[in-house]
Protein backbone atom coordinates (compact mmCIF):
# COMPACT_ATOMS: atom_id res chain seq x y z
CA MET A 1 170.84 61.44 -40.11
CA MET A 2 169.08 64.61 -38.99
CA ARG A 3 171.32 67.44 -37.87
CA PHE A 4 169.93 69.88 -35.30
CA VAL A 5 171.06 73.55 -35.30
CA PRO A 6 171.93 74.88 -31.89
CA LEU A 7 169.69 77.79 -30.80
CA ARG A 8 172.64 80.17 -30.60
CA ASN A 9 173.30 79.61 -34.35
CA ALA A 10 169.67 80.00 -35.46
CA ALA A 11 169.96 83.70 -36.23
CA ALA A 12 172.95 83.11 -38.50
CA VAL A 13 171.12 80.33 -40.33
CA ALA A 14 168.08 82.55 -40.76
CA ALA A 15 170.24 85.27 -42.24
CA ILE A 16 171.29 82.80 -44.94
CA LEU A 17 167.89 81.27 -45.58
CA LEU A 18 165.51 84.22 -45.39
CA PRO A 19 166.72 86.06 -48.53
CA SER A 20 166.11 83.03 -50.72
CA LEU A 21 162.74 82.46 -49.06
CA ALA A 22 161.77 86.08 -49.73
CA GLN A 23 162.51 85.58 -53.43
CA ALA A 24 160.66 82.33 -53.70
CA GLY A 25 157.27 83.92 -54.41
CA GLU A 26 153.96 82.56 -53.17
CA TRP A 27 151.35 80.59 -55.07
CA ARG A 28 147.69 81.48 -54.66
CA SER A 29 144.85 79.24 -55.83
CA LEU A 30 142.42 80.74 -58.37
CA PHE A 31 139.73 78.15 -57.55
CA ASP A 32 138.78 77.05 -54.03
CA GLY A 33 136.98 73.89 -55.19
CA ARG A 34 133.72 74.94 -53.57
CA ASP A 35 132.13 77.69 -55.73
CA LEU A 36 132.62 80.05 -58.64
CA ASP A 37 132.00 83.30 -56.74
CA ALA A 38 135.38 84.70 -57.87
CA TRP A 39 134.50 84.12 -61.51
CA LEU A 40 132.16 85.70 -64.02
CA GLN A 41 130.78 84.20 -67.22
CA LEU A 42 131.04 86.32 -70.40
CA GLY A 43 130.20 85.65 -74.10
CA GLY A 44 128.26 82.50 -74.84
CA GLU A 45 126.04 80.28 -72.79
CA ALA A 46 128.18 77.14 -72.36
CA GLU A 47 127.65 75.48 -68.99
CA TYR A 48 130.29 75.73 -66.26
CA ARG A 49 130.06 73.51 -63.21
CA ILE A 50 132.23 72.00 -60.47
CA GLU A 51 133.12 68.36 -60.25
CA ASN A 52 135.77 66.79 -57.97
CA ASP A 53 137.74 70.03 -57.44
CA GLU A 54 137.65 70.66 -61.21
CA ILE A 55 135.98 73.39 -63.25
CA VAL A 56 134.13 71.71 -66.06
CA GLY A 57 133.01 73.54 -69.21
CA VAL A 58 130.30 71.95 -71.31
CA SER A 59 129.77 72.81 -74.96
CA VAL A 60 126.36 74.14 -76.09
CA ALA A 61 125.18 74.49 -79.65
CA ASP A 62 124.27 77.79 -81.26
CA THR A 63 126.09 80.07 -78.84
CA PRO A 64 129.30 82.11 -79.28
CA ASN A 65 132.60 81.39 -77.54
CA SER A 66 132.02 81.26 -73.79
CA PHE A 67 134.46 82.46 -71.12
CA LEU A 68 134.52 81.97 -67.37
CA THR A 69 136.68 84.90 -66.25
CA THR A 70 138.27 85.99 -63.01
CA ARG A 71 136.75 89.05 -61.44
CA ALA A 72 140.22 90.20 -60.60
CA SER A 73 142.75 91.55 -63.14
CA TYR A 74 146.37 90.48 -63.32
CA GLY A 75 149.36 92.20 -64.86
CA ASP A 76 152.65 90.38 -64.33
CA PHE A 77 152.25 86.83 -63.15
CA ILE A 78 153.20 83.16 -63.46
CA LEU A 79 150.16 81.00 -63.99
CA GLU A 80 149.96 77.22 -63.85
CA TYR A 81 146.99 74.94 -64.56
CA GLU A 82 146.03 71.53 -65.96
CA VAL A 83 143.56 70.90 -68.81
CA LEU A 84 141.74 67.79 -70.00
CA VAL A 85 139.73 68.37 -73.19
CA ASP A 86 137.54 66.24 -75.41
CA PRO A 87 139.50 65.51 -78.62
CA ASP A 88 136.67 67.09 -80.69
CA LEU A 89 136.52 70.33 -78.74
CA ASN A 90 138.74 73.44 -79.00
CA SER A 91 139.52 75.52 -75.92
CA GLY A 92 141.99 77.95 -74.39
CA VAL A 93 142.85 80.15 -71.47
CA GLN A 94 142.67 83.94 -71.77
CA ILE A 95 145.32 86.07 -70.14
CA ARG A 96 145.56 89.84 -69.90
CA SER A 97 142.09 89.99 -71.44
CA TYR A 98 139.10 92.38 -71.23
CA LEU A 99 135.55 92.92 -72.46
CA GLY A 100 135.75 95.03 -75.63
CA ASP A 101 133.48 97.78 -76.75
CA ASN A 102 131.80 95.21 -79.04
CA GLY A 103 130.74 93.22 -75.98
CA ARG A 104 133.18 90.42 -76.77
CA VAL A 105 136.16 89.07 -74.86
CA GLN A 106 139.45 90.28 -76.28
CA GLY A 107 143.05 89.50 -75.49
CA TYR A 108 145.75 86.89 -75.48
CA GLN A 109 144.70 83.22 -75.46
CA VAL A 110 146.90 80.20 -74.64
CA GLU A 111 145.51 77.69 -77.12
CA VAL A 112 144.16 74.22 -76.38
CA ASP A 113 143.98 72.53 -79.80
CA PRO A 114 143.57 68.71 -79.86
CA SER A 115 143.10 68.65 -83.65
CA VAL A 116 145.71 67.39 -86.11
CA ARG A 117 146.89 70.95 -86.49
CA ALA A 118 148.43 70.57 -83.02
CA PHE A 119 148.76 74.20 -82.01
CA SER A 120 148.16 73.56 -78.27
CA GLY A 121 150.33 75.93 -76.25
CA GLY A 122 150.45 78.48 -79.04
CA LEU A 123 149.33 82.08 -78.49
CA TYR A 124 146.21 83.50 -80.24
CA ASP A 125 144.87 87.01 -79.94
CA GLU A 126 141.10 86.68 -79.44
CA GLN A 127 139.03 89.22 -81.39
CA ARG A 128 142.08 91.30 -82.29
CA ARG A 129 145.08 90.09 -84.30
CA ARG A 130 144.38 86.35 -84.45
CA TRP A 131 147.50 84.12 -84.37
CA MET A 132 150.53 85.75 -82.70
CA TYR A 133 152.61 82.63 -82.11
CA PRO A 134 151.30 79.65 -84.07
CA LEU A 135 153.28 76.48 -83.46
CA SER A 136 154.26 76.42 -87.11
CA ARG A 137 157.30 78.23 -85.70
CA ASN A 138 157.91 75.53 -83.09
CA GLU A 139 157.67 71.95 -84.32
CA LYS A 140 158.98 70.54 -81.03
CA GLY A 141 156.18 72.35 -79.25
CA ARG A 142 153.57 70.81 -81.51
CA ALA A 143 154.41 67.34 -80.12
CA ALA A 144 154.01 68.31 -76.44
CA PHE A 145 150.18 67.97 -76.17
CA ARG A 146 148.79 64.60 -74.94
CA ASN A 147 145.38 63.98 -76.37
CA GLY A 148 142.85 62.42 -74.00
CA ARG A 149 145.04 63.06 -70.93
CA TRP A 150 145.63 65.87 -68.45
CA ASN A 151 148.08 68.45 -69.75
CA SER A 152 150.08 70.85 -67.59
CA PHE A 153 150.52 74.48 -68.66
CA ARG A 154 152.81 77.20 -67.30
CA VAL A 155 152.43 80.79 -68.48
CA GLU A 156 154.95 83.50 -67.63
CA ALA A 157 153.65 86.99 -68.36
CA ILE A 158 156.31 89.44 -67.19
CA GLY A 159 156.49 92.90 -68.76
CA ASN A 160 156.25 92.57 -72.52
CA SER A 161 157.45 88.98 -72.43
CA LEU A 162 154.90 86.15 -72.78
CA ARG A 163 156.22 82.60 -72.50
CA VAL A 164 154.36 79.32 -72.37
CA TRP A 165 155.36 75.75 -71.42
CA LEU A 166 153.19 72.69 -72.11
CA ASN A 167 154.08 69.49 -70.20
CA GLY A 168 157.53 70.94 -69.55
CA VAL A 169 158.16 71.84 -73.23
CA GLN A 170 158.45 75.53 -74.14
CA THR A 171 155.92 76.39 -76.80
CA VAL A 172 155.94 80.21 -76.95
CA ASP A 173 158.43 83.03 -76.62
CA LEU A 174 156.52 86.19 -77.63
CA VAL A 175 157.35 89.84 -77.09
CA ASP A 176 154.37 92.20 -77.38
CA ASP A 177 153.26 95.34 -75.62
CA MET A 178 149.58 95.71 -76.59
CA THR A 179 148.03 94.76 -73.24
CA ALA A 180 149.67 94.97 -69.83
CA SER A 181 146.92 93.48 -67.63
CA GLY A 182 143.49 91.93 -67.63
CA PHE A 183 141.46 89.00 -66.48
CA ILE A 184 142.12 85.26 -66.84
CA GLY A 185 139.38 83.31 -68.65
CA LEU A 186 138.55 79.66 -69.33
CA GLN A 187 137.18 79.21 -72.83
CA VAL A 188 134.56 76.76 -74.17
CA HIS A 189 134.75 77.27 -77.90
CA SER A 190 131.61 77.71 -80.03
CA ILE A 191 130.66 74.57 -81.98
CA ARG A 192 129.33 74.18 -85.50
CA ASP A 193 128.16 70.57 -85.30
CA ARG A 194 125.29 69.83 -82.91
CA ASP A 195 126.82 66.40 -82.39
CA ASP A 196 129.61 68.16 -80.44
CA ALA A 197 127.16 69.50 -77.85
CA GLY A 198 127.70 68.21 -74.34
CA LYS A 199 131.44 67.64 -74.72
CA THR A 200 133.67 68.87 -71.95
CA VAL A 201 136.88 70.66 -71.13
CA ARG A 202 138.21 70.40 -67.56
CA TRP A 203 140.62 72.55 -65.58
CA ARG A 204 142.22 71.86 -62.23
CA ASN A 205 145.09 73.03 -60.01
CA LEU A 206 144.81 76.62 -61.21
CA ARG A 207 147.31 78.73 -59.29
CA ILE A 208 148.99 82.08 -59.78
CA MET A 209 152.05 83.91 -58.47
CA THR A 210 152.36 87.68 -58.70
CA GLU A 211 155.40 88.59 -56.59
CA ASP A 212 159.15 87.98 -56.95
CA LEU A 213 158.59 86.69 -60.43
CA ASP A 214 162.15 87.24 -61.84
CA ALA A 215 163.53 84.70 -59.37
CA GLN A 216 160.94 82.13 -60.52
CA ARG A 217 161.37 82.44 -64.27
CA SER A 218 161.95 79.20 -66.12
CA ALA A 219 165.02 78.83 -68.29
CA ALA A 220 164.21 79.50 -71.94
CA ASP A 221 164.80 76.74 -74.51
CA PRO A 222 167.47 78.10 -76.89
CA ASP A 223 165.84 76.21 -79.76
CA VAL A 224 162.57 78.13 -79.38
CA VAL A 225 162.59 81.17 -81.66
CA GLN A 226 161.44 84.46 -80.18
CA ILE A 227 158.75 86.36 -82.14
CA SER A 228 158.53 90.06 -81.46
CA PHE A 229 155.71 92.45 -82.32
CA LEU A 230 157.43 95.55 -81.01
CA THR A 231 157.15 98.28 -83.62
CA ASN A 232 160.46 99.28 -85.28
CA GLN A 233 162.45 97.91 -82.35
CA LEU A 234 164.81 95.04 -81.75
CA THR A 235 164.79 92.91 -78.65
CA GLU A 236 167.98 91.87 -76.91
CA TYR A 237 167.37 88.34 -78.25
CA GLU A 238 167.17 89.68 -81.83
CA ARG A 239 170.36 91.69 -81.52
CA ARG A 240 172.19 88.63 -80.13
CA HIS A 241 171.00 86.62 -83.08
CA GLY A 242 172.23 89.09 -85.71
CA TRP A 243 169.06 91.05 -86.59
CA ARG A 244 169.18 94.68 -87.59
CA LEU A 245 166.48 97.13 -88.63
CA LEU A 246 166.36 97.52 -92.40
CA TRP A 247 164.27 100.65 -91.89
CA ASP A 248 164.84 102.83 -88.77
CA GLY A 249 161.19 103.90 -88.49
CA LYS A 250 162.04 107.60 -88.72
CA THR A 251 164.02 108.47 -91.85
CA SER A 252 164.82 107.27 -95.37
CA ALA A 253 168.30 106.22 -94.37
CA GLY A 254 169.44 103.03 -96.19
CA TRP A 255 166.89 103.41 -99.04
CA ARG A 256 166.66 105.13 -102.42
CA GLY A 257 164.34 105.17 -105.42
CA ALA A 258 164.84 102.10 -107.58
CA LYS A 259 165.47 104.33 -110.56
CA LEU A 260 166.78 107.30 -108.68
CA GLY A 261 170.00 108.23 -106.96
CA HIS A 262 168.04 109.40 -103.90
CA PHE A 263 164.83 108.75 -101.95
CA PRO A 264 161.67 109.99 -103.75
CA GLU A 265 160.86 113.54 -102.84
CA SER A 266 157.14 112.82 -102.57
CA GLY A 267 154.75 109.88 -102.73
CA TRP A 268 156.41 107.94 -99.94
CA THR A 269 155.57 109.29 -96.47
CA ILE A 270 157.05 108.58 -93.05
CA ASP A 271 154.67 109.26 -90.15
CA ASP A 272 154.51 107.87 -86.63
CA GLY A 273 156.74 104.92 -87.40
CA VAL A 274 154.91 103.96 -90.61
CA LEU A 275 156.31 104.02 -94.13
CA THR A 276 153.53 104.48 -96.71
CA VAL A 277 153.35 104.61 -100.49
CA GLU A 278 150.48 106.88 -101.41
CA ALA A 279 147.84 105.96 -103.97
CA THR A 280 148.11 107.34 -107.55
CA ASP A 281 146.46 105.65 -110.54
CA GLY A 282 146.81 101.99 -109.60
CA GLY A 283 149.58 101.46 -112.13
CA GLU A 284 152.89 99.69 -111.66
CA SER A 285 155.51 102.20 -110.55
CA THR A 286 153.64 105.10 -112.15
CA GLY A 287 153.72 107.25 -109.03
CA PRO A 288 156.77 107.91 -106.83
CA GLY A 289 158.25 104.60 -107.96
CA ASP A 290 159.70 101.60 -106.09
CA ILE A 291 162.25 102.03 -103.35
CA VAL A 292 165.23 99.73 -102.80
CA THR A 293 167.85 99.13 -100.13
CA LEU A 294 171.34 100.53 -100.61
CA ASP A 295 172.74 97.14 -99.48
CA THR A 296 172.52 93.84 -101.31
CA PHE A 297 171.73 90.45 -99.75
CA SER A 298 172.19 86.78 -100.53
CA ASN A 299 171.59 84.47 -97.57
CA PHE A 300 169.12 86.24 -95.27
CA GLU A 301 165.93 86.21 -93.19
CA LEU A 302 163.70 89.19 -93.80
CA GLU A 303 160.67 90.15 -91.70
CA PHE A 304 158.27 93.00 -92.29
CA GLU A 305 154.72 94.11 -91.43
CA PHE A 306 152.36 95.46 -94.07
CA ARG A 307 148.91 97.02 -94.08
CA ILE A 308 146.80 97.21 -97.22
CA THR A 309 143.82 99.31 -98.20
CA GLU A 310 140.78 97.89 -99.99
CA GLY A 311 141.64 96.66 -103.47
CA ALA A 312 145.36 97.36 -103.05
CA ASN A 313 148.32 95.80 -104.84
CA SER A 314 152.01 95.91 -103.87
CA GLY A 315 154.89 93.63 -103.13
CA VAL A 316 158.22 93.06 -101.43
CA LYS A 317 160.90 91.96 -103.88
CA TYR A 318 164.31 90.41 -103.24
CA PHE A 319 167.26 89.53 -105.40
CA VAL A 320 166.47 92.78 -107.20
CA ASP A 321 168.70 94.28 -109.88
CA PRO A 322 167.41 97.83 -110.32
CA ASP A 323 169.61 98.39 -113.38
CA LEU A 324 167.80 95.77 -115.46
CA ASN A 325 164.66 97.77 -116.18
CA LEU A 326 165.20 101.50 -116.43
CA GLY A 327 162.05 102.01 -118.47
CA GLU A 328 158.38 101.78 -117.50
CA GLY A 329 157.23 99.40 -114.80
CA SER A 330 158.72 97.97 -111.67
CA ALA A 331 162.30 96.99 -111.02
CA ILE A 332 163.05 93.28 -111.56
CA GLY A 333 163.27 90.72 -108.75
CA ALA A 334 161.53 87.81 -107.07
CA GLU A 335 158.35 89.06 -105.37
CA PHE A 336 156.46 88.30 -102.23
CA GLN A 337 153.04 89.39 -103.51
CA ILE A 338 150.98 91.80 -101.39
CA LEU A 339 147.37 91.94 -102.62
CA ASP A 340 143.72 92.25 -101.68
CA ASP A 341 142.75 88.85 -103.17
CA ALA A 342 139.04 89.53 -102.82
CA ARG A 343 138.97 92.78 -104.75
CA HIS A 344 141.99 93.19 -107.00
CA PRO A 345 141.69 91.64 -110.47
CA ASP A 346 145.27 90.37 -110.40
CA ALA A 347 144.20 87.62 -108.02
CA LYS A 348 142.30 85.91 -110.86
CA MET A 349 145.10 86.33 -113.39
CA GLY A 350 148.21 84.22 -113.80
CA VAL A 351 147.92 80.45 -113.23
CA ASP A 352 145.97 78.83 -110.35
CA GLY A 353 146.36 81.78 -107.96
CA ASN A 354 150.09 82.41 -108.44
CA ARG A 355 149.50 86.12 -108.20
CA THR A 356 147.64 86.08 -104.89
CA LEU A 357 148.76 87.27 -101.44
CA GLY A 358 151.93 85.55 -100.28
CA SER A 359 152.72 83.96 -103.66
CA LEU A 360 156.06 84.05 -105.46
CA TYR A 361 154.45 86.41 -107.91
CA ASP A 362 153.53 84.84 -111.28
CA LEU A 363 155.47 81.69 -110.36
CA ILE A 364 154.27 79.72 -107.28
CA THR A 365 150.81 79.64 -105.74
CA PRO A 366 150.69 80.00 -101.88
CA GLU A 367 149.31 77.27 -99.73
CA ASN A 368 149.30 76.65 -96.02
CA TYR A 369 152.23 74.25 -95.41
CA SER A 370 151.92 74.79 -91.67
CA ALA A 371 148.32 73.64 -91.39
CA PRO A 372 147.46 71.67 -94.58
CA GLY A 373 143.85 71.97 -95.66
CA ARG A 374 143.40 75.32 -93.94
CA ASP A 375 143.32 78.70 -95.60
CA LYS A 376 146.36 80.93 -95.42
CA GLN A 377 146.17 83.36 -92.54
CA PHE A 378 145.26 86.92 -93.54
CA LYS A 379 144.33 89.29 -90.74
CA GLY A 380 142.31 91.60 -92.94
CA ILE A 381 142.20 94.91 -94.77
CA GLY A 382 143.48 97.75 -92.60
CA GLN A 383 145.15 95.31 -90.19
CA TRP A 384 148.87 94.75 -89.79
CA ASN A 385 150.02 91.47 -91.31
CA GLN A 386 153.45 89.92 -91.10
CA GLY A 387 155.55 88.76 -94.01
CA ARG A 388 158.78 86.74 -93.83
CA VAL A 389 161.22 85.60 -96.54
CA VAL A 390 164.03 83.17 -95.78
CA SER A 391 166.79 82.54 -98.32
CA VAL A 392 169.57 80.14 -97.50
CA ASP A 393 171.88 78.55 -100.09
CA GLY A 394 169.18 78.67 -102.76
CA ARG A 395 166.31 77.43 -100.59
CA VAL A 396 163.63 80.08 -100.26
CA GLU A 397 160.50 80.27 -98.13
CA HIS A 398 157.60 82.75 -97.91
CA TRP A 399 155.76 82.98 -94.61
CA LEU A 400 152.52 84.89 -94.05
CA ASN A 401 151.61 85.64 -90.42
CA ASN A 402 154.12 82.99 -89.29
CA GLU A 403 152.72 80.20 -91.40
CA LYS A 404 154.72 78.97 -94.38
CA VAL A 405 152.95 79.45 -97.72
CA VAL A 406 155.72 79.01 -100.40
CA GLU A 407 158.94 77.01 -100.63
CA TYR A 408 161.25 76.52 -103.58
CA ASP A 409 164.88 76.03 -104.68
CA ARG A 410 165.89 78.96 -106.88
CA ASN A 411 168.79 76.94 -108.26
CA SER A 412 166.66 74.02 -109.40
CA GLN A 413 165.58 72.92 -112.86
CA MET A 414 161.96 73.21 -111.73
CA PHE A 415 162.42 76.88 -110.84
CA ARG A 416 164.06 77.57 -114.24
CA ALA A 417 161.12 75.88 -115.95
CA LEU A 418 158.62 78.06 -114.05
CA VAL A 419 160.50 81.19 -115.07
CA ALA A 420 160.59 80.03 -118.69
CA TYR A 421 156.80 80.05 -118.81
CA SER A 422 156.33 83.36 -116.92
CA LYS A 423 156.60 87.07 -117.61
CA TYR A 424 160.17 86.88 -116.31
CA ARG A 425 161.52 84.71 -119.11
CA VAL A 426 162.95 87.77 -120.86
CA TRP A 427 165.39 88.37 -118.03
CA PRO A 428 168.29 85.84 -118.24
CA GLY A 429 169.15 84.27 -114.85
CA PHE A 430 166.06 85.72 -113.17
CA GLY A 431 165.94 84.89 -109.47
CA GLN A 432 169.29 83.11 -109.59
CA TRP A 433 171.65 86.11 -109.26
CA PRO A 434 174.03 85.60 -106.34
CA ALA A 435 172.80 88.72 -104.51
CA GLY A 436 170.36 91.56 -104.87
CA ARG A 437 168.53 94.41 -103.16
CA ILE A 438 165.27 94.41 -101.22
CA LEU A 439 162.46 96.44 -102.79
CA LEU A 440 159.13 97.90 -101.60
CA GLN A 441 156.82 98.30 -104.55
CA ASP A 442 154.75 101.24 -105.79
CA HIS A 443 151.77 99.79 -107.58
CA GLY A 444 149.56 102.90 -107.41
CA ASP A 445 147.69 101.94 -104.26
CA THR A 446 148.07 102.97 -100.62
CA VAL A 447 150.08 100.34 -98.72
CA SER A 448 152.02 100.82 -95.46
CA PHE A 449 155.09 99.11 -94.03
CA ARG A 450 156.83 98.98 -90.62
CA SER A 451 159.12 96.78 -88.49
CA ILE A 452 161.30 95.86 -91.48
CA LYS A 453 164.28 93.87 -90.19
CA ILE A 454 166.83 91.44 -91.54
CA ARG A 455 169.66 89.18 -90.54
CA GLU A 456 172.25 87.65 -92.81
CA PHE A 457 173.74 84.14 -92.67
């Protein structure tokens, strides 16, 4: 039954209700269903039209990516919308984006990917850093997209936190501070095949909230890993999950020369949060030499960012025993190879590419396990790339820019066989020691590192 509140008690009831109403936030529609006066088209020449309260994008051959963008900019917000896309067409929604000096749209993009790769709901950085949160790090999220049907997205951009939900499933938990505000844009991707011309992507029910956002945040899925691109910093999430900085971004604390009792006096520089080995003659450990951690590790997850110069060679080694090789050359350990595959001759040596970027050097060739058939993701010379090594009870993985490229069991007969036919066969038990140090390699070329962090299991 309905219960009426006496007038004399209305003020008391209001005192209870109004605070919660004030925190509730207010939705505002981004599209009035009548015209596109609040929007501006940038980039390519795909067609945008209105049908049945929907914005419809139509693919056009021989034109770049097209974007229908809001004229207004938005900083912190919660955005909701629905998308229906042709299964043969890629799309996305730009957030905190802008028109770059090159005349192209740049910024974060919430992906719409109906292909078998299934990265819908992932976060891509258009014209900048490429994939920031591919769904190779969130298998549950890969299953959320419904091909051929309307799909509901929710994007929460609050401070440096970017989170995405697709059909109620959290797909992204990213921390990044590159761009604080910008326009929202609806993408029609460029097409290679003329047969894909005339295919459509549709958006409806676009609405945004910009006030009282903290009260409207969705609960995060504890199974969705957070990926952070903050430089030499740990998020609260990372600290709770046992991460620590392996390099503090300022000093040589925790590191020494692999064949020294101290950190090299020259050749390794620390400047503005970047640790760089300077170029010498291109030889292996012929300059300042490798550096290693003071601590040893067994079961761990290691993350690092690296930036290479043209033609450069380096590596990050683990399970390193610096006492094994006190003569010429690098210290001995399993290596995540860092290389300019296009210009360094080492890429064509070894066997079937087992000395290329991301490989287990001289042992296992990298391949894209996260998106089979696609190339491994390299963001380019002079750009920051992210490496990741996971070692748990003998199982080891290499990840390059958050896509898995190598996996092996270091205790297996297969691994021992690979070692037996490699340059490491002269070191008994190579790669199977119970623990070892982490190493950054001097290979005579300029290579930089930052955001080196680790957690142990």
